[in-house]
Every structure is written in structure tokens, then in C-alpha cells.
Amino acid sequence: MKTRYDADWIIKTAMGIYNLTVKYNSRFTMEKAITRATERAQRLNEALADPTCEIDEHDHIIKVYDFKNIQSLDSIYGYKMYCGD
């Protein structure tokens, strides 16, 4: 399965993370940046495979809920268990 977040994306993202973080933390290494970028790519690739998730143009994961089955507040919270009753 071809994914959008491959090795090229990981390297580009790791360089960005490293360049931003090394200004404030001189002990931050490129290896840590690659690890963080790899973990982020794994989460994004899992979100691509999940039909309940969307990814916006800034690579943020957005959970999409299906509200078609909700009939009333009782179906969400239980019978008379919500505020305002």
C-alpha cells in the first residue's frame, strides 16, 4: 500500500523539527527528530487507513463521527442523564 507519509516526508519533517528545536535545546539530536517524525508518520498512515479519520492540509488528524444514529440526547447520555432536565 502506497502511503502519503513515506521516507521523503519523514526526512523533510525531521529536518524541520531539528532546525526548530536545536535553537532552544542544544542537546537535541537529528536521531531524536527522525524518531519523532517516524512516529508521526505512523500515526498519520494509520489515520489514512481508518475510515473515521480525516487529515487536513496541515497534517492534523481529525476524527469524524457519524451522527446519523442519534435520535435524541437520551441516546447519547442515557435517559434523563443530561444537564438541563
N, C-alpha and C. Protein backbone atom coordinates (compact mmCIF):
# COMPACT_ATOMS: atom_id res chain seq x y z
N MET A 1 0.84 -1.18 0.00
CA MET A 1 0.00 0.00 0.00
C MET A 1 0.89 1.25 0.00
N LYS A 2 0.71 2.09 -0.96
CA LYS A 2 1.48 3.34 -1.05
C LYS A 2 0.86 4.35 -0.08
N THR A 3 1.69 4.95 0.71
CA THR A 3 1.20 5.92 1.69
C THR A 3 1.72 7.31 1.34
N ARG A 4 1.05 8.28 1.87
CA ARG A 4 1.43 9.66 1.63
C ARG A 4 2.62 10.07 2.49
N TYR A 5 2.80 9.39 3.59
CA TYR A 5 3.84 9.76 4.55
C TYR A 5 4.95 8.71 4.49
N ASP A 6 5.85 8.88 3.54
CA ASP A 6 6.92 7.92 3.29
C ASP A 6 8.26 8.48 3.80
N ALA A 7 9.35 7.85 3.38
CA ALA A 7 10.68 8.23 3.87
C ALA A 7 11.04 9.68 3.52
N ASP A 8 10.64 10.14 2.35
CA ASP A 8 10.93 11.53 1.97
C ASP A 8 10.24 12.51 2.91
N TRP A 9 8.98 12.23 3.24
CA TRP A 9 8.22 13.08 4.16
C TRP A 9 8.87 13.05 5.54
N ILE A 10 9.31 11.87 5.98
CA ILE A 10 9.93 11.73 7.30
C ILE A 10 11.21 12.57 7.37
N ILE A 11 12.05 12.50 6.36
CA ILE A 11 13.31 13.26 6.36
C ILE A 11 13.04 14.76 6.34
N LYS A 12 12.10 15.19 5.50
CA LYS A 12 11.77 16.62 5.42
C LYS A 12 11.22 17.13 6.76
N THR A 13 10.34 16.33 7.37
CA THR A 13 9.76 16.71 8.65
C THR A 13 10.82 16.70 9.76
N ALA A 14 11.68 15.70 9.75
CA ALA A 14 12.74 15.61 10.77
C ALA A 14 13.68 16.81 10.68
N MET A 15 14.00 17.24 9.48
CA MET A 15 14.86 18.43 9.32
C MET A 15 14.17 19.66 9.90
N GLY A 16 12.88 19.79 9.66
CA GLY A 16 12.14 20.92 10.22
C GLY A 16 12.09 20.89 11.73
N ILE A 17 11.82 19.70 12.29
CA ILE A 17 11.79 19.54 13.75
C ILE A 17 13.16 19.88 14.34
N TYR A 18 14.20 19.35 13.73
CA TYR A 18 15.56 19.58 14.24
C TYR A 18 15.93 21.06 14.20
N ASN A 19 15.68 21.70 13.07
CA ASN A 19 16.05 23.11 12.93
C ASN A 19 15.31 24.01 13.91
N LEU A 20 14.05 23.69 14.21
CA LEU A 20 13.30 24.49 15.16
C LEU A 20 13.71 24.22 16.61
N THR A 21 13.98 22.95 16.93
CA THR A 21 14.24 22.58 18.32
C THR A 21 15.67 22.86 18.75
N VAL A 22 16.63 22.72 17.86
CA VAL A 22 18.03 22.88 18.25
C VAL A 22 18.34 24.31 18.69
N LYS A 23 17.52 25.27 18.28
CA LYS A 23 17.71 26.66 18.73
C LYS A 23 17.55 26.79 20.24
N TYR A 24 16.65 25.97 20.80
CA TYR A 24 16.32 26.08 22.22
C TYR A 24 16.91 24.95 23.06
N ASN A 25 17.33 23.87 22.41
CA ASN A 25 17.86 22.72 23.13
C ASN A 25 19.08 22.21 22.36
N SER A 26 20.25 22.56 22.81
CA SER A 26 21.48 22.22 22.08
C SER A 26 21.78 20.72 22.12
N ARG A 27 21.17 19.99 23.05
CA ARG A 27 21.41 18.55 23.15
C ARG A 27 20.46 17.73 22.27
N PHE A 28 19.52 18.39 21.60
CA PHE A 28 18.59 17.70 20.71
C PHE A 28 19.35 17.19 19.49
N THR A 29 19.13 15.93 19.14
CA THR A 29 19.88 15.34 18.03
C THR A 29 18.97 15.07 16.84
N MET A 30 19.60 14.87 15.70
CA MET A 30 18.86 14.53 14.49
C MET A 30 18.18 13.17 14.64
N GLU A 31 18.78 12.26 15.40
CA GLU A 31 18.17 10.94 15.63
C GLU A 31 16.84 11.07 16.35
N LYS A 32 16.78 11.96 17.34
CA LYS A 32 15.51 12.20 18.03
C LYS A 32 14.48 12.79 17.09
N ALA A 33 14.90 13.68 16.23
CA ALA A 33 13.98 14.28 15.26
C ALA A 33 13.45 13.24 14.29
N ILE A 34 14.32 12.34 13.84
CA ILE A 34 13.87 11.28 12.93
C ILE A 34 12.90 10.35 13.64
N THR A 35 13.17 10.04 14.91
CA THR A 35 12.27 9.19 15.68
C THR A 35 10.90 9.83 15.81
N ARG A 36 10.86 11.11 16.14
CA ARG A 36 9.58 11.81 16.27
C ARG A 36 8.84 11.88 14.94
N ALA A 37 9.55 12.14 13.87
CA ALA A 37 8.91 12.21 12.55
C ALA A 37 8.40 10.84 12.12
N THR A 38 9.14 9.78 12.44
CA THR A 38 8.70 8.42 12.10
C THR A 38 7.44 8.06 12.87
N GLU A 39 7.39 8.40 14.16
CA GLU A 39 6.19 8.13 14.96
C GLU A 39 5.00 8.90 14.41
N ARG A 40 5.22 10.13 14.02
CA ARG A 40 4.13 10.95 13.45
C ARG A 40 3.65 10.35 12.12
N ALA A 41 4.58 9.89 11.31
CA ALA A 41 4.20 9.27 10.03
C ALA A 41 3.39 8.00 10.26
N GLN A 42 3.75 7.22 11.27
CA GLN A 42 2.98 6.01 11.58
C GLN A 42 1.56 6.37 11.99
N ARG A 43 1.41 7.39 12.85
CA ARG A 43 0.06 7.81 13.27
C ARG A 43 -0.75 8.31 12.08
N LEU A 44 -0.11 9.07 11.20
CA LEU A 44 -0.82 9.61 10.03
C LEU A 44 -1.20 8.50 9.05
N ASN A 45 -0.32 7.53 8.85
CA ASN A 45 -0.64 6.41 7.96
C ASN A 45 -1.77 5.56 8.53
N GLU A 46 -1.79 5.38 9.86
CA GLU A 46 -2.91 4.66 10.48
C GLU A 46 -4.20 5.44 10.31
N ALA A 47 -4.13 6.76 10.40
CA ALA A 47 -5.33 7.58 10.22
C ALA A 47 -5.82 7.53 8.78
N LEU A 48 -4.90 7.42 7.82
CA LEU A 48 -5.31 7.27 6.42
C LEU A 48 -6.10 5.99 6.20
N ALA A 49 -5.72 4.93 6.92
CA ALA A 49 -6.40 3.65 6.77
C ALA A 49 -7.71 3.59 7.54
N ASP A 50 -7.90 4.48 8.51
CA ASP A 50 -9.10 4.49 9.35
C ASP A 50 -10.19 5.33 8.67
N PRO A 51 -11.35 4.73 8.38
CA PRO A 51 -12.40 5.49 7.70
C PRO A 51 -13.04 6.58 8.57
N THR A 52 -12.83 6.54 9.88
CA THR A 52 -13.41 7.57 10.75
C THR A 52 -12.48 8.76 10.95
N CYS A 53 -11.34 8.77 10.27
CA CYS A 53 -10.38 9.87 10.41
C CYS A 53 -10.19 10.59 9.08
N GLU A 54 -9.95 11.87 9.18
CA GLU A 54 -9.56 12.68 8.04
C GLU A 54 -8.28 13.42 8.40
N ILE A 55 -7.52 13.80 7.40
CA ILE A 55 -6.28 14.56 7.61
C ILE A 55 -6.40 15.85 6.83
N ASP A 56 -6.22 16.98 7.53
CA ASP A 56 -6.35 18.27 6.85
C ASP A 56 -5.05 18.66 6.14
N GLU A 57 -5.03 19.85 5.56
CA GLU A 57 -3.87 20.28 4.77
C GLU A 57 -2.63 20.54 5.61
N HIS A 58 -2.79 20.63 6.94
CA HIS A 58 -1.66 20.84 7.84
C HIS A 58 -1.24 19.55 8.54
N ASP A 59 -1.70 18.42 8.03
CA ASP A 59 -1.40 17.08 8.57
C ASP A 59 -1.91 16.89 9.99
N HIS A 60 -3.04 17.49 10.31
CA HIS A 60 -3.70 17.26 11.58
C HIS A 60 -4.74 16.17 11.40
N ILE A 61 -4.82 15.25 12.35
CA ILE A 61 -5.79 14.16 12.29
C ILE A 61 -7.09 14.65 12.91
N ILE A 62 -8.17 14.48 12.16
CA ILE A 62 -9.49 14.90 12.61
C ILE A 62 -10.39 13.68 12.66
N LYS A 63 -10.97 13.40 13.82
CA LYS A 63 -11.89 12.29 13.98
C LYS A 63 -13.25 12.73 13.45
N VAL A 64 -13.85 11.91 12.60
CA VAL A 64 -15.15 12.22 12.02
C VAL A 64 -16.16 11.26 12.63
N TYR A 65 -17.17 11.81 13.27
CA TYR A 65 -18.19 11.00 13.91
C TYR A 65 -19.43 10.93 13.05
N ASP A 66 -20.10 9.80 13.09
CA ASP A 66 -21.33 9.60 12.34
C ASP A 66 -22.50 9.89 13.29
N PHE A 67 -23.17 11.02 13.08
CA PHE A 67 -24.26 11.42 13.95
C PHE A 67 -25.62 10.99 13.42
N LYS A 68 -25.67 10.14 12.40
CA LYS A 68 -26.94 9.73 11.81
C LYS A 68 -27.78 8.89 12.74
N ASN A 69 -27.15 8.14 13.65
CA ASN A 69 -27.88 7.23 14.53
C ASN A 69 -28.41 7.90 15.79
N ILE A 70 -28.09 9.17 16.00
CA ILE A 70 -28.52 9.85 17.22
C ILE A 70 -29.94 10.37 17.02
N GLN A 71 -30.83 9.93 17.88
CA GLN A 71 -32.22 10.35 17.81
C GLN A 71 -32.53 11.48 18.79
N SER A 72 -31.91 11.44 19.95
CA SER A 72 -32.16 12.45 20.98
C SER A 72 -30.97 12.47 21.94
N LEU A 73 -31.04 13.36 22.91
CA LEU A 73 -29.99 13.39 23.93
C LEU A 73 -29.99 12.12 24.77
N ASP A 74 -31.15 11.47 24.89
CA ASP A 74 -31.22 10.22 25.65
C ASP A 74 -30.35 9.14 25.01
N SER A 75 -30.24 9.13 23.69
CA SER A 75 -29.42 8.12 23.03
C SER A 75 -27.92 8.39 23.22
N ILE A 76 -27.57 9.62 23.59
CA ILE A 76 -26.16 9.94 23.83
C ILE A 76 -25.81 9.70 25.29
N TYR A 77 -26.58 10.29 26.21
CA TYR A 77 -26.22 10.30 27.63
C TYR A 77 -26.96 9.25 28.45
N GLY A 78 -28.03 8.69 27.94
CA GLY A 78 -28.88 7.82 28.73
C GLY A 78 -30.12 8.59 29.14
N TYR A 79 -31.13 7.90 29.61
CA TYR A 79 -32.42 8.51 29.89
C TYR A 79 -32.30 9.55 31.00
N LYS A 80 -32.57 10.80 30.68
CA LYS A 80 -32.61 11.94 31.62
C LYS A 80 -31.30 12.11 32.39
N MET A 81 -30.16 11.85 31.77
CA MET A 81 -28.88 11.96 32.45
C MET A 81 -28.10 13.19 31.99
N TYR A 82 -28.73 14.11 31.31
CA TYR A 82 -28.02 15.27 30.80
C TYR A 82 -28.46 16.51 31.57
N CYS A 83 -27.67 17.55 31.51
CA CYS A 83 -27.96 18.79 32.24
C CYS A 83 -29.17 19.49 31.64
N GLY A 84 -29.88 20.18 32.46
CA GLY A 84 -30.99 20.98 31.99
C GLY A 84 -32.33 20.30 32.07
N ASP A 85 -32.41 19.12 32.66
CA ASP A 85 -33.73 18.47 32.78
C ASP A 85 -34.36 18.74 34.11
